[in-house]
Amino acid sequence: MNLIITFYLVEIVFLVIAYLVYRQEVSLTIDIIIESISAIIVLGFVSLDFKNVIRLYRFPKINPLLYLGAIIIPIFTGVIVYYGIELVNSELFFENYNMYADYALYPNSLFWAFLFVTITPPIFEELAYRGFLFNQLQKVTSTKITIILTAFIFALVHFSIISLLWIFPFGLLLGYLRHKYDTLWLGIIIHFIHNLIVLSLDYYYFDTTLLEL
């Protein structure tokens, strides 16, 4: 239990510090440093339960249609979440957030946006929440509670009340798949494609806006 609390506290402290740093200055160097530290923190905790986490990288013998579903489902969730959140932001806050805009001024901006949005989150967030944290919680509570708690904590660390509407159920799906098939691969694939769809739409609309100007 102490390890679970330590993990969560470290994550919260790191995310708060990262948020404060981003408020002061945004640059490619800072992005690389923040992402690298985040990965090191996750790998540090994973090393404490390496044998139990590494086994989750085996490809399970499952119906190929399940892998097809892992490709198709996030396409729909990506589109629905993108336009749904955009609508909520427009109606409640009268603004739209474009994720790609955070990287637009960097050299090779699309590469860095792709790396930081579609590659590192699926790998390290799944490793942290459906890997390390899931294993630790299963030692002290039921599988059902573990799935709910990992999804809730996963949603909380995104620091967005609006995003809770979709990140929590998204986390429940990923947690369920991780438990049922004892693998992280399905979650990584779904997470990757979902983020890719959202980033692609942001890139498309950002580019369209520039052309109109």
Protein backbone atom coordinates (compact mmCIF):
# COMPACT_ATOMS: atom_id res chain seq x y z
CA MET A 1 0.00 0.00 0.00
CA ASN A 2 2.87 2.36 0.79
CA LEU A 3 4.25 1.82 -2.71
CA ILE A 4 0.89 2.77 -4.24
CA ILE A 5 0.67 5.97 -2.22
CA THR A 6 4.30 6.84 -3.01
CA PHE A 7 3.71 6.31 -6.73
CA TYR A 8 0.65 8.54 -6.76
CA LEU A 9 2.29 11.29 -4.71
CA VAL A 10 5.37 11.29 -6.93
CA GLU A 11 3.18 11.49 -10.03
CA ILE A 12 1.12 14.37 -8.63
CA VAL A 13 4.17 16.33 -7.49
CA PHE A 14 5.87 15.81 -10.84
CA LEU A 15 2.78 16.86 -12.82
CA VAL A 16 2.29 19.98 -10.69
CA ILE A 17 5.94 20.96 -11.17
CA ALA A 18 5.66 20.29 -14.91
CA TYR A 19 2.54 22.46 -15.08
CA LEU A 20 4.29 25.32 -13.28
CA VAL A 21 7.31 25.01 -15.57
CA TYR A 22 5.11 25.12 -18.67
CA ARG A 23 3.40 28.26 -17.35
CA GLN A 24 6.77 30.00 -17.20
CA GLU A 25 8.26 28.84 -20.48
CA VAL A 26 7.49 26.42 -23.29
CA SER A 27 10.21 25.10 -25.56
CA LEU A 28 11.26 21.90 -27.27
CA THR A 29 14.12 21.43 -24.80
CA ILE A 30 11.76 21.72 -21.83
CA ASP A 31 9.33 19.29 -23.46
CA ILE A 32 12.10 16.75 -23.99
CA ILE A 33 13.32 17.13 -20.39
CA ILE A 34 9.81 16.81 -18.90
CA GLU A 35 8.95 13.78 -21.04
CA SER A 36 12.28 12.12 -20.21
CA ILE A 37 11.85 12.63 -16.46
CA SER A 38 8.31 11.26 -16.67
CA ALA A 39 9.56 8.13 -18.44
CA ILE A 40 12.37 7.67 -15.90
CA ILE A 41 9.90 7.92 -12.99
CA VAL A 42 7.66 5.26 -14.54
CA LEU A 43 10.58 2.95 -15.34
CA GLY A 44 11.91 3.42 -11.81
CA PHE A 45 8.69 2.18 -10.24
CA VAL A 46 8.32 -0.61 -12.81
CA SER A 47 11.79 -1.88 -11.90
CA LEU A 48 10.41 -2.62 -8.42
CA ASP A 49 7.95 -5.12 -9.94
CA PHE A 50 9.78 -5.94 -13.17
CA LYS A 51 8.97 -9.66 -13.46
CA ASN A 52 5.23 -9.17 -13.03
CA VAL A 53 5.10 -6.22 -15.42
CA ILE A 54 7.27 -7.66 -18.20
CA ARG A 55 4.98 -10.67 -18.58
CA LEU A 56 2.23 -8.29 -19.67
CA TYR A 57 4.13 -7.76 -22.92
CA ARG A 58 3.38 -11.24 -24.17
CA PHE A 59 0.93 -11.36 -27.07
CA PRO A 60 -2.06 -13.42 -25.87
CA LYS A 61 -3.63 -16.11 -28.03
CA ILE A 62 -6.92 -14.39 -28.78
CA ASN A 63 -9.35 -14.11 -31.66
CA PRO A 64 -7.81 -11.92 -34.40
CA LEU A 65 -11.12 -10.06 -34.51
CA LEU A 66 -10.28 -8.64 -31.10
CA TYR A 67 -7.20 -6.98 -32.55
CA LEU A 68 -9.37 -5.67 -35.36
CA GLY A 69 -11.74 -4.26 -32.75
CA ALA A 70 -8.77 -2.66 -30.98
CA ILE A 71 -8.11 -0.79 -34.22
CA ILE A 72 -11.69 0.16 -35.12
CA ILE A 73 -13.00 1.16 -31.66
CA PRO A 74 -10.45 3.93 -30.98
CA ILE A 75 -11.17 5.44 -34.38
CA PHE A 76 -14.75 6.01 -33.25
CA THR A 77 -13.78 7.08 -29.73
CA GLY A 78 -11.21 9.50 -31.11
CA VAL A 79 -13.73 11.19 -33.42
CA ILE A 80 -16.52 11.27 -30.82
CA VAL A 81 -14.26 12.60 -28.06
CA TYR A 82 -12.69 15.20 -30.35
CA TYR A 83 -15.95 16.74 -31.52
CA GLY A 84 -17.68 16.21 -28.17
CA ILE A 85 -14.98 17.99 -26.15
CA GLU A 86 -14.75 20.71 -28.78
CA LEU A 87 -18.49 21.31 -28.46
CA VAL A 88 -18.35 21.39 -24.65
CA ASN A 89 -15.40 23.80 -24.66
CA SER A 90 -17.12 26.06 -27.16
CA GLU A 91 -20.41 26.13 -25.26
CA LEU A 92 -19.05 26.42 -21.71
CA PHE A 93 -15.72 28.20 -22.10
CA PHE A 94 -16.13 29.85 -25.52
CA GLU A 95 -12.75 28.58 -26.63
CA ASN A 96 -11.22 25.67 -28.50
CA TYR A 97 -7.99 23.95 -27.53
CA ASN A 98 -5.79 22.66 -30.35
CA MET A 99 -3.23 20.13 -29.19
CA TYR A 100 -1.07 20.49 -32.29
CA ALA A 101 -0.71 24.23 -31.64
CA ASP A 102 1.52 23.36 -28.66
CA TYR A 103 4.13 22.01 -31.09
CA ALA A 104 3.49 24.14 -34.18
CA LEU A 105 6.45 26.48 -33.61
CA TYR A 106 8.98 23.68 -33.06
CA PRO A 107 11.25 22.57 -35.89
CA ASN A 108 9.86 19.31 -37.31
CA SER A 109 6.68 20.09 -35.35
CA LEU A 110 4.65 17.15 -36.64
CA PHE A 111 7.36 14.69 -35.59
CA TRP A 112 7.48 16.05 -32.03
CA ALA A 113 3.68 16.22 -31.78
CA PHE A 114 3.48 12.61 -32.98
CA LEU A 115 6.16 11.49 -30.52
CA PHE A 116 4.77 13.29 -27.45
CA VAL A 117 1.07 12.71 -28.14
CA THR A 118 0.77 9.32 -29.83
CA ILE A 119 3.92 7.39 -28.87
CA THR A 120 5.02 8.18 -25.32
CA PRO A 121 1.57 8.36 -23.61
CA PRO A 122 0.35 4.93 -24.81
CA ILE A 123 3.66 3.32 -23.86
CA PHE A 124 4.34 4.92 -20.50
CA GLU A 125 0.80 5.59 -19.26
CA GLU A 126 -0.24 2.00 -19.93
CA LEU A 127 2.98 0.79 -18.32
CA ALA A 128 2.35 2.98 -15.27
CA TYR A 129 -1.41 2.59 -14.72
CA ARG A 130 -2.39 -0.73 -16.30
CA GLY A 131 1.00 -2.25 -15.55
CA PHE A 132 2.69 -1.22 -12.28
CA LEU A 133 -0.27 0.39 -10.46
CA PHE A 134 -2.71 -2.33 -11.56
CA ASN A 135 -0.40 -5.03 -10.19
CA GLN A 136 0.05 -3.24 -6.88
CA LEU A 137 -3.65 -2.59 -6.34
CA GLN A 138 -4.54 -6.19 -7.10
CA LYS A 139 -2.47 -7.19 -4.08
CA VAL A 140 -4.68 -5.20 -1.71
CA THR A 141 -8.15 -5.15 -3.29
CA SER A 142 -10.45 -6.90 -5.76
CA THR A 143 -10.03 -6.84 -9.53
CA LYS A 144 -13.21 -4.78 -9.94
CA ILE A 145 -12.00 -2.10 -7.52
CA THR A 146 -8.55 -2.20 -9.14
CA ILE A 147 -10.02 -1.47 -12.58
CA ILE A 148 -12.11 1.40 -11.17
CA LEU A 149 -9.26 2.91 -9.13
CA THR A 150 -6.70 2.78 -11.94
CA ALA A 151 -9.21 4.38 -14.30
CA PHE A 152 -10.06 7.10 -11.77
CA ILE A 153 -6.41 7.89 -10.96
CA PHE A 154 -5.60 7.82 -14.69
CA ALA A 155 -8.34 10.41 -15.24
CA LEU A 156 -7.32 12.57 -12.28
CA VAL A 157 -3.72 13.03 -13.41
CA HIS A 158 -4.94 14.68 -16.61
CA PHE A 159 -6.07 17.65 -14.48
CA SER A 160 -9.20 18.34 -16.53
CA ILE A 161 -12.74 18.16 -15.19
CA ILE A 162 -14.18 18.06 -18.71
CA SER A 163 -11.83 15.26 -19.72
CA LEU A 164 -13.04 13.16 -16.78
CA LEU A 165 -16.22 12.61 -18.80
CA TRP A 166 -14.37 10.45 -21.29
CA ILE A 167 -10.99 9.57 -19.74
CA PHE A 168 -12.57 7.68 -16.83
CA PRO A 169 -14.71 5.33 -19.00
CA PHE A 170 -11.78 5.06 -21.41
CA GLY A 171 -9.62 3.94 -18.49
CA LEU A 172 -12.27 1.42 -17.42
CA LEU A 173 -12.16 -0.14 -20.90
CA LEU A 174 -8.36 -0.34 -20.89
CA GLY A 175 -8.33 -1.79 -17.37
CA TYR A 176 -10.93 -4.41 -18.27
CA LEU A 177 -8.95 -5.52 -21.34
CA ARG A 178 -5.73 -5.64 -19.34
CA HIS A 179 -7.37 -7.92 -16.77
CA LYS A 180 -9.30 -10.15 -19.14
CA TYR A 181 -6.43 -10.84 -21.55
CA ASP A 182 -3.49 -10.29 -19.18
CA THR A 183 -1.65 -8.05 -21.63
CA LEU A 184 -0.85 -4.38 -22.16
CA TRP A 185 -0.80 -4.64 -25.94
CA LEU A 186 -4.53 -4.13 -26.50
CA GLY A 187 -4.49 -1.04 -24.30
CA ILE A 188 -1.39 0.34 -26.04
CA ILE A 189 -2.93 -0.17 -29.50
CA ILE A 190 -6.25 1.44 -28.51
CA HIS A 191 -4.53 4.31 -26.68
CA PHE A 192 -2.18 4.93 -29.64
CA ILE A 193 -4.89 4.99 -32.30
CA HIS A 194 -7.22 7.12 -30.18
CA ASN A 195 -4.50 9.74 -29.61
CA LEU A 196 -3.48 9.54 -33.27
CA ILE A 197 -7.02 10.33 -34.42
CA VAL A 198 -7.33 13.29 -32.04
CA LEU A 199 -3.92 14.67 -33.07
CA SER A 200 -4.71 14.17 -36.76
CA LEU A 201 -7.94 16.15 -36.43
CA ASP A 202 -6.14 18.89 -34.50
CA TYR A 203 -3.47 19.03 -37.19
CA TYR A 204 -6.07 19.17 -39.95
CA TYR A 205 -8.02 22.01 -38.38
CA PHE A 206 -4.90 23.90 -37.35
CA ASP A 207 -3.59 23.72 -40.90
CA THR A 208 -6.98 24.79 -42.29
CA THR A 209 -7.04 27.81 -39.99
CA LEU A 210 -3.60 28.89 -41.20
CA LEU A 211 -4.67 28.63 -44.82
CA GLU A 212 -7.72 30.78 -44.15
CA LEU A 213 -5.51 33.46 -42.59
